[in-house]
Amino acid sequence: MTRTCFVLLALASAWLSSACGGAFQEARGAFDEARYADASVSFRSIDPRALDSSEQAQFDLYFGLTQFALGDLDQARPHLTRAMRALQRDPEAFDAAEQGRLLSAWHSMGRMPGQSLD
């Protein structure tokens, strides 16, 4: 690979990374301000396949919580289930406040921590 190709690939990767990060920060800001409809639109603009596993866990948590806040449990459930799986795999995937939000939503959907995720 030529040096020019390598530089172009590095720049493209950095741009995609910042584009996803910016969209996530926008969506997260709207969530934090309880602008759930705006947050939902922003989260939908993110391609979760472009995220690493840590970012994916955060995406699933906050997109799931957003859909939960909007009352769309059909959309919230798969995201919150993936967030619970991420928490089971890595107990430090979320900070204490995020774990509390996740467990509260999970319980409100009639599920219990430790219950099968299937």
Foldseek 3Di string as FASTA:
>chain_A
DDPVVVVVVVVVLVVLVVVLVVLQVQLVVCVVVVVLVSSLVSLVVHDLVSDDPLVLLVSLLSNLLSCVSVVNNVRNLVSLLVNLVVCVVPVVSDDPVSVVSSQVSCVVVVHHPVPDSD
